[in-house]
Amino acid sequence: MIFTVDGLRYGQLVRSIAGRDQGTYYLIWKTHGEKFIEVVDGVKHPISKPKRKNIKHVRITMAVATDIEDAILSGKTIKDAQIVSAIQKRLNELEEGDRFHG
């Protein structure tokens, strides 16, 4: 299987599956080349200090924080609190989906 950043969106929710941060959820902040992304969680990895991850080391979810995506694409200022809130909102949506489909 070939992993690339094609089709990924800014603000898309991902979960780390390798490294010391395994299990941590992040939003995609930037992409680097075909194999790396920068992710933020608003706390340990704020916007000012994103974490670089190999695309193979994250599990991609279908959840996208469209408000964050829109802000990134339009160049608006985003606060770390907005990142934290967006991650929590997407996690709640995923849990609700699991209840209905699980």
PDB file of N, CA and C in Angstrom:
ATOM      1  N   MET A   1       0.848  -1.190   0.000  1.00  0.00           N
ATOM      2  CA  MET A   1       0.000   0.000   0.000  1.00  0.00           C
ATOM      3  C   MET A   1       0.887   1.245   0.000  1.00  0.00           C
ATOM      4  N   ILE A   2       0.564   2.190  -0.835  1.00  0.00           N
ATOM      5  CA  ILE A   2       1.337   3.424  -0.932  1.00  0.00           C
ATOM      6  C   ILE A   2       0.589   4.525  -0.199  1.00  0.00           C
ATOM      7  N   PHE A   3       1.286   5.190   0.711  1.00  0.00           N
ATOM      8  CA  PHE A   3       0.690   6.275   1.485  1.00  0.00           C
ATOM      9  C   PHE A   3       1.188   7.608   0.932  1.00  0.00           C
ATOM     10  N   THR A   4       0.261   8.492   0.572  1.00  0.00           N
ATOM     11  CA  THR A   4       0.636   9.845   0.167  1.00  0.00           C
ATOM     12  C   THR A   4      -0.361  10.820   0.769  1.00  0.00           C
ATOM     13  N   VAL A   5      -0.042  12.093   0.685  1.00  0.00           N
ATOM     14  CA  VAL A   5      -0.920  13.114   1.244  1.00  0.00           C
ATOM     15  C   VAL A   5      -2.051  13.489   0.291  1.00  0.00           C
ATOM     16  N   ASP A   6      -2.064  12.908  -0.899  1.00  0.00           N
ATOM     17  CA  ASP A   6      -3.129  13.209  -1.857  1.00  0.00           C
ATOM     18  C   ASP A   6      -4.503  12.960  -1.239  1.00  0.00           C
ATOM     19  N   GLY A   7      -5.393  13.907  -1.398  1.00  0.00           N
ATOM     20  CA  GLY A   7      -6.756  13.755  -0.900  1.00  0.00           C
ATOM     21  C   GLY A   7      -6.952  14.167   0.542  1.00  0.00           C
ATOM     22  N   LEU A   8      -5.865  14.439   1.264  1.00  0.00           N
ATOM     23  CA  LEU A   8      -6.013  14.900   2.642  1.00  0.00           C
ATOM     24  C   LEU A   8      -6.399  16.372   2.642  1.00  0.00           C
ATOM     25  N   ARG A   9      -7.098  16.780   3.695  1.00  0.00           N
ATOM     26  CA  ARG A   9      -7.567  18.162   3.795  1.00  0.00           C
ATOM     27  C   ARG A   9      -7.031  18.810   5.061  1.00  0.00           C
ATOM     28  N   TYR A  10      -6.807  20.118   4.993  1.00  0.00           N
ATOM     29  CA  TYR A  10      -6.450  20.853   6.200  1.00  0.00           C
ATOM     30  C   TYR A  10      -7.611  20.709   7.173  1.00  0.00           C
ATOM     31  N   GLY A  11      -7.294  20.550   8.450  1.00  0.00           N
ATOM     32  CA  GLY A  11      -8.345  20.407   9.454  1.00  0.00           C
ATOM     33  C   GLY A  11      -8.889  18.998   9.572  1.00  0.00           C
ATOM     34  N   GLN A  12      -8.332  18.049   8.824  1.00  0.00           N
ATOM     35  CA  GLN A  12      -8.809  16.670   8.907  1.00  0.00           C
ATOM     36  C   GLN A  12      -8.271  16.024  10.175  1.00  0.00           C
ATOM     37  N   LEU A  13      -9.123  15.279  10.852  1.00  0.00           N
ATOM     38  CA  LEU A  13      -8.763  14.631  12.109  1.00  0.00           C
ATOM     39  C   LEU A  13      -7.956  13.366  11.831  1.00  0.00           C
ATOM     40  N   VAL A  14      -6.817  13.240  12.514  1.00  0.00           N
ATOM     41  CA  VAL A  14      -5.988  12.043  12.413  1.00  0.00           C
ATOM     42  C   VAL A  14      -5.612  11.591  13.820  1.00  0.00           C
ATOM     43  N   ARG A  15      -5.294  10.281  13.936  1.00  0.00           N
ATOM     44  CA  ARG A  15      -4.854   9.736  15.227  1.00  0.00           C
ATOM     45  C   ARG A  15      -3.479   9.125  15.037  1.00  0.00           C
ATOM     46  N   SER A  16      -2.558   9.464  15.908  1.00  0.00           N
ATOM     47  CA  SER A  16      -1.213   8.911  15.845  1.00  0.00           C
ATOM     48  C   SER A  16      -1.255   7.428  16.181  1.00  0.00           C
ATOM     49  N   ILE A  17      -0.597   6.606  15.348  1.00  0.00           N
ATOM     50  CA  ILE A  17      -0.563   5.162  15.608  1.00  0.00           C
ATOM     51  C   ILE A  17       0.861   4.680  15.868  1.00  0.00           C
ATOM     52  N   ALA A  18       1.827   5.618  15.886  1.00  0.00           N
ATOM     53  CA  ALA A  18       3.214   5.243  16.158  1.00  0.00           C
ATOM     54  C   ALA A  18       3.927   6.388  16.867  1.00  0.00           C
ATOM     55  N   GLY A  19       4.873   6.036  17.720  1.00  0.00           N
ATOM     56  CA  GLY A  19       5.636   7.051  18.431  1.00  0.00           C
ATOM     57  C   GLY A  19       5.142   7.246  19.846  1.00  0.00           C
ATOM     58  N   ARG A  20       5.797   8.172  20.549  1.00  0.00           N
ATOM     59  CA  ARG A  20       5.435   8.436  21.953  1.00  0.00           C
ATOM     60  C   ARG A  20       4.044   9.029  22.087  1.00  0.00           C
ATOM     61  N   ASP A  21       3.564   9.630  21.011  1.00  0.00           N
ATOM     62  CA  ASP A  21       2.240  10.266  21.049  1.00  0.00           C
ATOM     63  C   ASP A  21       1.127   9.341  20.552  1.00  0.00           C
ATOM     64  N   GLN A  22       1.396   8.045  20.491  1.00  0.00           N
ATOM     65  CA  GLN A  22       0.427   7.072  19.997  1.00  0.00           C
ATOM     66  C   GLN A  22      -0.925   7.256  20.686  1.00  0.00           C
ATOM     67  N   GLY A  23      -1.984   7.284  19.896  1.00  0.00           N
ATOM     68  CA  GLY A  23      -3.333   7.440  20.426  1.00  0.00           C
ATOM     69  C   GLY A  23      -3.810   8.884  20.485  1.00  0.00           C
ATOM     70  N   THR A  24      -2.912   9.838  20.261  1.00  0.00           N
ATOM     71  CA  THR A  24      -3.270  11.254  20.316  1.00  0.00           C
ATOM     72  C   THR A  24      -3.941  11.684  19.015  1.00  0.00           C
ATOM     73  N   TYR A  25      -4.994  12.479  19.156  1.00  0.00           N
ATOM     74  CA  TYR A  25      -5.691  13.020  17.983  1.00  0.00           C
ATOM     75  C   TYR A  25      -5.156  14.403  17.646  1.00  0.00           C
ATOM     76  N   TYR A  26      -5.048  14.660  16.353  1.00  0.00           N
ATOM     77  CA  TYR A  26      -4.565  15.940  15.844  1.00  0.00           C
ATOM     78  C   TYR A  26      -5.414  16.378  14.652  1.00  0.00           C
ATOM     79  N   LEU A  27      -5.255  17.637  14.285  1.00  0.00           N
ATOM     80  CA  LEU A  27      -5.796  18.126  13.018  1.00  0.00           C
ATOM     81  C   LEU A  27      -4.617  18.374  12.084  1.00  0.00           C
ATOM     82  N   ILE A  28      -4.812  18.086  10.802  1.00  0.00           N
ATOM     83  CA  ILE A  28      -3.771  18.347   9.813  1.00  0.00           C
ATOM     84  C   ILE A  28      -3.644  19.852   9.634  1.00  0.00           C
ATOM     85  N   TRP A  29      -2.422  20.351   9.765  1.00  0.00           N
ATOM     86  CA  TRP A  29      -2.137  21.777   9.658  1.00  0.00           C
ATOM     87  C   TRP A  29      -1.521  22.112   8.306  1.00  0.00           C
ATOM     88  N   LYS A  30      -0.548  21.290   7.878  1.00  0.00           N
ATOM     89  CA  LYS A  30       0.136  21.498   6.597  1.00  0.00           C
ATOM     90  C   LYS A  30       0.571  20.148   6.050  1.00  0.00           C
ATOM     91  N   THR A  31       0.926  20.131   4.771  1.00  0.00           N
ATOM     92  CA  THR A  31       1.518  18.940   4.176  1.00  0.00           C
ATOM     93  C   THR A  31       2.927  19.289   3.700  1.00  0.00           C
ATOM     94  N   HIS A  32       3.813  18.281   3.738  1.00  0.00           N
ATOM     95  CA  HIS A  32       5.197  18.451   3.283  1.00  0.00           C
ATOM     96  C   HIS A  32       5.510  17.321   2.322  1.00  0.00           C
ATOM     97  N   GLY A  33       5.699  17.662   1.065  1.00  0.00           N
ATOM     98  CA  GLY A  33       5.994  16.624   0.088  1.00  0.00           C
ATOM     99  C   GLY A  33       4.854  15.641  -0.006  1.00  0.00           C
ATOM    100  N   GLU A  34       5.190  14.392  -0.276  1.00  0.00           N
ATOM    101  CA  GLU A  34       4.147  13.374  -0.436  1.00  0.00           C
ATOM    102  C   GLU A  34       3.964  12.498   0.787  1.00  0.00           C
ATOM    103  N   LYS A  35       4.894  12.575   1.749  1.00  0.00           N
ATOM    104  CA  LYS A  35       4.855  11.606   2.841  1.00  0.00           C
ATOM    105  C   LYS A  35       4.738  12.198   4.234  1.00  0.00           C
ATOM    106  N   PHE A  36       4.809  13.512   4.360  1.00  0.00           N
ATOM    107  CA  PHE A  36       4.790  14.102   5.700  1.00  0.00           C
ATOM    108  C   PHE A  36       3.687  15.138   5.847  1.00  0.00           C
ATOM    109  N   ILE A  37       3.160  15.214   7.057  1.00  0.00           N
ATOM    110  CA  ILE A  37       2.172  16.236   7.399  1.00  0.00           C
ATOM    111  C   ILE A  37       2.615  16.919   8.685  1.00  0.00           C
ATOM    112  N   GLU A  38       2.118  18.129   8.893  1.00  0.00           N
ATOM    113  CA  GLU A  38       2.274  18.804  10.175  1.00  0.00           C
ATOM    114  C   GLU A  38       0.913  18.776  10.836  1.00  0.00           C
ATOM    115  N   VAL A  39       0.907  18.404  12.119  1.00  0.00           N
ATOM    116  CA  VAL A  39      -0.346  18.286  12.848  1.00  0.00           C
ATOM    117  C   VAL A  39      -0.299  19.152  14.100  1.00  0.00           C
ATOM    118  N   VAL A  40      -1.473  19.573  14.552  1.00  0.00           N
ATOM    119  CA  VAL A  40      -1.587  20.385  15.772  1.00  0.00           C
ATOM    120  C   VAL A  40      -2.708  19.823  16.635  1.00  0.00           C
ATOM    121  N   ASP A  41      -2.552  20.011  17.959  1.00  0.00           N
ATOM    122  CA  ASP A  41      -3.633  19.633  18.877  1.00  0.00           C
ATOM    123  C   ASP A  41      -4.056  20.806  19.754  1.00  0.00           C
ATOM    124  N   GLY A  42      -3.355  21.944  19.615  1.00  0.00           N
ATOM    125  CA  GLY A  42      -3.715  23.134  20.371  1.00  0.00           C
ATOM    126  C   GLY A  42      -3.181  23.164  21.790  1.00  0.00           C
ATOM    127  N   VAL A  43      -2.567  22.064  22.263  1.00  0.00           N
ATOM    128  CA  VAL A  43      -2.057  22.007  23.633  1.00  0.00           C
ATOM    129  C   VAL A  43      -0.558  21.688  23.601  1.00  0.00           C
ATOM    130  N   LYS A  44      -0.237  20.418  23.469  1.00  0.00           N
ATOM    131  CA  LYS A  44       1.175  20.017  23.425  1.00  0.00           C
ATOM    132  C   LYS A  44       1.833  20.456  22.116  1.00  0.00           C
ATOM    133  N   HIS A  45       1.052  20.467  21.074  1.00  0.00           N
ATOM    134  CA  HIS A  45       1.539  20.932  19.767  1.00  0.00           C
ATOM    135  C   HIS A  45       0.627  22.046  19.275  1.00  0.00           C
ATOM    136  N   PRO A  46       0.888  23.265  19.768  1.00  0.00           N
ATOM    137  CA  PRO A  46       0.078  24.415  19.349  1.00  0.00           C
ATOM    138  C   PRO A  46       0.420  24.818  17.914  1.00  0.00           C
ATOM    139  N   ILE A  47      -0.335  25.746  17.394  1.00  0.00           N
ATOM    140  CA  ILE A  47      -0.137  26.240  16.033  1.00  0.00           C
ATOM    141  C   ILE A  47       1.295  26.749  15.845  1.00  0.00           C
ATOM    142  N   SER A  48       1.856  27.334  16.884  1.00  0.00           N
ATOM    143  CA  SER A  48       3.211  27.884  16.797  1.00  0.00           C
ATOM    144  C   SER A  48       4.292  26.799  16.776  1.00  0.00           C
ATOM    145  N   LYS A  49       3.926  25.557  17.121  1.00  0.00           N
ATOM    146  CA  LYS A  49       4.905  24.469  17.171  1.00  0.00           C
ATOM    147  C   LYS A  49       4.260  23.152  16.710  1.00  0.00           C
ATOM    148  N   PRO A  50       3.888  23.074  15.423  1.00  0.00           N
ATOM    149  CA  PRO A  50       3.237  21.850  14.931  1.00  0.00           C
ATOM    150  C   PRO A  50       4.196  20.658  14.956  1.00  0.00           C
ATOM    151  N   LYS A  51       3.616  19.468  14.993  1.00  0.00           N
ATOM    152  CA  LYS A  51       4.415  18.238  14.994  1.00  0.00           C
ATOM    153  C   LYS A  51       4.438  17.664  13.584  1.00  0.00           C
ATOM    154  N   ARG A  52       5.628  17.292  13.144  1.00  0.00           N
ATOM    155  CA  ARG A  52       5.777  16.680  11.820  1.00  0.00           C
ATOM    156  C   ARG A  52       5.607  15.172  11.975  1.00  0.00           C
ATOM    157  N   LYS A  53       4.732  14.575  11.164  1.00  0.00           N
ATOM    158  CA  LYS A  53       4.470  13.139  11.230  1.00  0.00           C
ATOM    159  C   LYS A  53       4.561  12.525   9.834  1.00  0.00           C
ATOM    160  N   ASN A  54       5.096  11.324   9.782  1.00  0.00           N
ATOM    161  CA  ASN A  54       5.068  10.544   8.555  1.00  0.00           C
ATOM    162  C   ASN A  54       3.629  10.082   8.359  1.00  0.00           C
ATOM    163  N   ILE A  55       3.137  10.161   7.144  1.00  0.00           N
ATOM    164  CA  ILE A  55       1.748   9.796   6.863  1.00  0.00           C
ATOM    165  C   ILE A  55       1.453   8.341   7.251  1.00  0.00           C
ATOM    166  N   LYS A  56       2.487   7.489   7.235  1.00  0.00           N
ATOM    167  CA  LYS A  56       2.304   6.087   7.621  1.00  0.00           C
ATOM    168  C   LYS A  56       2.030   5.932   9.107  1.00  0.00           C
ATOM    169  N   HIS A  57       2.364   6.960   9.889  1.00  0.00           N
ATOM    170  CA  HIS A  57       2.253   6.860  11.341  1.00  0.00           C
ATOM    171  C   HIS A  57       0.980   7.480  11.911  1.00  0.00           C
ATOM    172  N   VAL A  58       0.025   7.762  11.036  1.00  0.00           N
ATOM    173  CA  VAL A  58      -1.264   8.273  11.501  1.00  0.00           C
ATOM    174  C   VAL A  58      -2.396   7.481  10.858  1.00  0.00           C
ATOM    175  N   ARG A  59      -3.494   7.394  11.591  1.00  0.00           N
ATOM    176  CA  ARG A  59      -4.705   6.821  11.028  1.00  0.00           C
ATOM    177  C   ARG A  59      -5.611   7.989  10.673  1.00  0.00           C
ATOM    178  N   ILE A  60      -6.020   8.045   9.420  1.00  0.00           N
ATOM    179  CA  ILE A  60      -6.836   9.147   8.922  1.00  0.00           C
ATOM    180  C   ILE A  60      -8.300   8.853   9.234  1.00  0.00           C
ATOM    181  N   THR A  61      -9.016   9.837   9.739  1.00  0.00           N
ATOM    182  CA  THR A  61     -10.462   9.698   9.896  1.00  0.00           C
ATOM    183  C   THR A  61     -11.133  10.485   8.773  1.00  0.00           C
ATOM    184  N   MET A  62     -12.405  10.291   8.602  1.00  0.00           N
ATOM    185  CA  MET A  62     -13.142  11.025   7.579  1.00  0.00           C
ATOM    186  C   MET A  62     -13.638  12.371   8.109  1.00  0.00           C
ATOM    187  N   ALA A  63     -13.445  12.615   9.402  1.00  0.00           N
ATOM    188  CA  ALA A  63     -13.931  13.856  10.018  1.00  0.00           C
ATOM    189  C   ALA A  63     -13.020  15.028   9.659  1.00  0.00           C
ATOM    190  N   VAL A  64     -13.630  16.118   9.213  1.00  0.00           N
ATOM    191  CA  VAL A  64     -12.883  17.330   8.864  1.00  0.00           C
ATOM    192  C   VAL A  64     -13.500  18.512   9.596  1.00  0.00           C
ATOM    193  N   ALA A  65     -12.647  19.291  10.251  1.00  0.00           N
ATOM    194  CA  ALA A  65     -13.101  20.533  10.895  1.00  0.00           C
ATOM    195  C   ALA A  65     -13.150  21.596   9.795  1.00  0.00           C
ATOM    196  N   THR A  66     -14.300  21.706   9.145  1.00  0.00           N
ATOM    197  CA  THR A  66     -14.403  22.598   7.983  1.00  0.00           C
ATOM    198  C   THR A  66     -14.184  24.059   8.347  1.00  0.00           C
ATOM    199  N   ASP A  67     -14.531  24.444   9.571  1.00  0.00           N
ATOM    200  CA  ASP A  67     -14.280  25.827   9.979  1.00  0.00           C
ATOM    201  C   ASP A  67     -12.778  26.111  10.045  1.00  0.00           C
ATOM    202  N   ILE A  68     -12.006  25.141  10.514  1.00  0.00           N
ATOM    203  CA  ILE A  68     -10.544  25.285  10.563  1.00  0.00           C
ATOM    204  C   ILE A  68      -9.982  25.253   9.137  1.00  0.00           C
ATOM    205  N   GLU A  69     -10.477  24.322   8.338  1.00  0.00           N
ATOM    206  CA  GLU A  69     -10.032  24.222   6.941  1.00  0.00           C
ATOM    207  C   GLU A  69     -10.250  25.543   6.210  1.00  0.00           C
ATOM    208  N   ASP A  70     -11.445  26.106   6.349  1.00  0.00           N
ATOM    209  CA  ASP A  70     -11.774  27.378   5.690  1.00  0.00           C
ATOM    210  C   ASP A  70     -10.852  28.501   6.170  1.00  0.00           C
ATOM    211  N   ALA A  71     -10.589  28.535   7.484  1.00  0.00           N
ATOM    212  CA  ALA A  71      -9.730  29.578   8.045  1.00  0.00           C
ATOM    213  C   ALA A  71      -8.297  29.457   7.520  1.00  0.00           C
ATOM    214  N   ILE A  72      -7.787  28.229   7.433  1.00  0.00           N
ATOM    215  CA  ILE A  72      -6.435  28.017   6.905  1.00  0.00           C
ATOM    216  C   ILE A  72      -6.368  28.468   5.446  1.00  0.00           C
ATOM    217  N   LEU A  73      -7.339  28.037   4.658  1.00  0.00           N
ATOM    218  CA  LEU A  73      -7.327  28.362   3.225  1.00  0.00           C
ATOM    219  C   LEU A  73      -7.496  29.848   2.958  1.00  0.00           C
ATOM    220  N   SER A  74      -8.221  30.546   3.817  1.00  0.00           N
ATOM    221  CA  SER A  74      -8.442  31.980   3.608  1.00  0.00           C
ATOM    222  C   SER A  74      -7.421  32.842   4.351  1.00  0.00           C
ATOM    223  N   GLY A  75      -6.503  32.197   5.081  1.00  0.00           N
ATOM    224  CA  GLY A  75      -5.443  32.942   5.764  1.00  0.00           C
ATOM    225  C   GLY A  75      -5.885  33.661   7.028  1.00  0.00           C
ATOM    226  N   LYS A  76      -7.020  33.250   7.600  1.00  0.00           N
ATOM    227  CA  LYS A  76      -7.496  33.876   8.837  1.00  0.00           C
ATOM    228  C   LYS A  76      -6.691  33.378  10.029  1.00  0.00           C
ATOM    229  N   THR A  77      -6.666  34.190  11.075  1.00  0.00           N
ATOM    230  CA  THR A  77      -5.977  33.817  12.308  1.00  0.00           C
ATOM    231  C   THR A  77      -6.797  32.758  13.045  1.00  0.00           C
ATOM    232  N   ILE A  78      -6.097  31.736  13.519  1.00  0.00           N
ATOM    233  CA  ILE A  78      -6.738  30.652  14.262  1.00  0.00           C
ATOM    234  C   ILE A  78      -6.058  30.574  15.621  1.00  0.00           C
ATOM    235  N   LYS A  79      -6.856  30.406  16.659  1.00  0.00           N
ATOM    236  CA  LYS A  79      -6.316  30.290  18.009  1.00  0.00           C
ATOM    237  C   LYS A  79      -6.250  28.807  18.409  1.00  0.00           C
ATOM    238  N   ASP A  80      -5.315  28.501  19.311  1.00  0.00           N
ATOM    239  CA  ASP A  80      -5.173  27.123  19.782  1.00  0.00           C
ATOM    240  C   ASP A  80      -6.466  26.605  20.411  1.00  0.00           C
ATOM    241  N   ALA A  81      -7.197  27.469  21.088  1.00  0.00           N
ATOM    242  CA  ALA A  81      -8.468  27.056  21.705  1.00  0.00           C
ATOM    243  C   ALA A  81      -9.457  26.563  20.649  1.00  0.00           C
ATOM    244  N   GLN A  82      -9.408  27.164  19.463  1.00  0.00           N
ATOM    245  CA  GLN A  82     -10.280  26.717  18.373  1.00  0.00           C
ATOM    246  C   GLN A  82      -9.897  25.310  17.908  1.00  0.00           C
ATOM    247  N   ILE A  83      -8.589  25.017  17.909  1.00  0.00           N
ATOM    248  CA  ILE A  83      -8.111  23.692  17.525  1.00  0.00           C
ATOM    249  C   ILE A  83      -8.601  22.650  18.533  1.00  0.00           C
ATOM    250  N   VAL A  84      -8.426  22.946  19.822  1.00  0.00           N
ATOM    251  CA  VAL A  84      -8.860  22.038  20.882  1.00  0.00           C
ATOM    252  C   VAL A  84     -10.360  21.762  20.756  1.00  0.00           C
ATOM    253  N   SER A  85     -11.129  22.814  20.584  1.00  0.00           N
ATOM    254  CA  SER A  85     -12.581  22.698  20.458  1.00  0.00           C
ATOM    255  C   SER A  85     -12.969  21.883  19.225  1.00  0.00           C
ATOM    256  N   ALA A  86     -12.304  22.123  18.116  1.00  0.00           N
ATOM    257  CA  ALA A  86     -12.614  21.411  16.873  1.00  0.00           C
ATOM    258  C   ALA A  86     -12.313  19.921  16.998  1.00  0.00           C
ATOM    259  N   ILE A  87     -11.200  19.580  17.643  1.00  0.00           N
ATOM    260  CA  ILE A  87     -10.861  18.163  17.841  1.00  0.00           C
ATOM    261  C   ILE A  87     -11.922  17.499  18.708  1.00  0.00           C
ATOM    262  N   GLN A  88     -12.293  18.156  19.812  1.00  0.00           N
ATOM    263  CA  GLN A  88     -13.289  17.581  20.712  1.00  0.00           C
ATOM    264  C   GLN A  88     -14.633  17.384  20.013  1.00  0.00           C
ATOM    265  N   LYS A  89     -15.019  18.354  19.216  1.00  0.00           N
ATOM    266  CA  LYS A  89     -16.288  18.264  18.487  1.00  0.00           C
ATOM    267  C   LYS A  89     -16.272  17.084  17.516  1.00  0.00           C
ATOM    268  N   ARG A  90     -15.164  16.904  16.782  1.00  0.00           N
ATOM    269  CA  ARG A  90     -15.070  15.797  15.823  1.00  0.00           C
ATOM    270  C   ARG A  90     -15.058  14.452  16.541  1.00  0.00           C
ATOM    271  N   LEU A  91     -14.380  14.374  17.694  1.00  0.00           N
ATOM    272  CA  LEU A  91     -14.361  13.123  18.464  1.00  0.00           C
ATOM    273  C   LEU A  91     -15.757  12.773  18.958  1.00  0.00           C
ATOM    274  N   ASN A  92     -16.508  13.780  19.398  1.00  0.00           N
ATOM    275  CA  ASN A  92     -17.885  13.547  19.833  1.00  0.00           C
ATOM    276  C   ASN A  92     -18.733  13.045  18.676  1.00  0.00           C
ATOM    277  N   GLU A  93     -18.540  13.612  17.489  1.00  0.00           N
ATOM    278  CA  GLU A  93     -19.293  13.166  16.305  1.00  0.00           C
ATOM    279  C   GLU A  93     -18.943  11.719  15.963  1.00  0.00           C
ATOM    280  N   LEU A  94     -17.663  11.366  16.060  1.00  0.00           N
ATOM    281  CA  LEU A  94     -17.252   9.996  15.766  1.00  0.00           C
ATOM    282  C   LEU A  94     -17.866   9.016  16.758  1.00  0.00           C
ATOM    283  N   GLU A  95     -17.898   9.386  18.045  1.00  0.00           N
ATOM    284  CA  GLU A  95     -18.487   8.516  19.062  1.00  0.00           C
ATOM    285  C   GLU A  95     -19.974   8.321  18.818  1.00  0.00           C
ATOM    286  N   GLU A  96     -20.666   9.399  18.435  1.00  0.00           N
ATOM    287  CA  GLU A  96     -22.094   9.278  18.146  1.00  0.00           C
ATOM    288  C   GLU A  96     -22.318   8.370  16.960  1.00  0.00           C
ATOM    289  N   GLY A  97     -21.464   8.495  15.954  1.00  0.00           N
ATOM    290  CA  GLY A  97     -21.574   7.621  14.772  1.00  0.00           C
ATOM    291  C   GLY A  97     -21.371   6.176  15.137  1.00  0.00           C
ATOM    292  N   ASP A  98     -20.421   5.889  16.051  1.00  0.00           N
ATOM    293  CA  ASP A  98     -20.179   4.521  16.490  1.00  0.00           C
ATOM    294  C   ASP A  98     -21.396   3.952  17.210  1.00  0.00           C
ATOM    295  N   ARG A  99     -22.089   4.780  17.974  1.00  0.00           N
ATOM    296  CA  ARG A  99     -23.270   4.319  18.698  1.00  0.00           C
ATOM    297  C   ARG A  99     -24.364   3.885  17.729  1.00  0.00           C
ATOM    298  N   PHE A 100     -24.503   4.608  16.622  1.00  0.00           N
ATOM    299  CA  PHE A 100     -25.561   4.294  15.666  1.00  0.00           C
ATOM    300  C   PHE A 100     -25.178   3.163  14.721  1.00  0.00           C
ATOM    301  N   HIS A 101     -23.889   2.999  14.477  1.00  0.00           N
ATOM    302  CA  HIS A 101     -23.454   1.999  13.500  1.00  0.00           C
ATOM    303  C   HIS A 101     -22.717   0.832  14.139  1.00  0.00           C
ATOM    304  N   GLY A 102     -22.522   0.877  15.446  1.00  0.00           N
ATOM    305  CA  GLY A 102     -21.706  -0.137  16.112  1.00  0.00           C
ATOM    306  C   GLY A 102     -22.490  -1.311  16.527  1.00  0.00           C
TER     307      GLY A 102
END
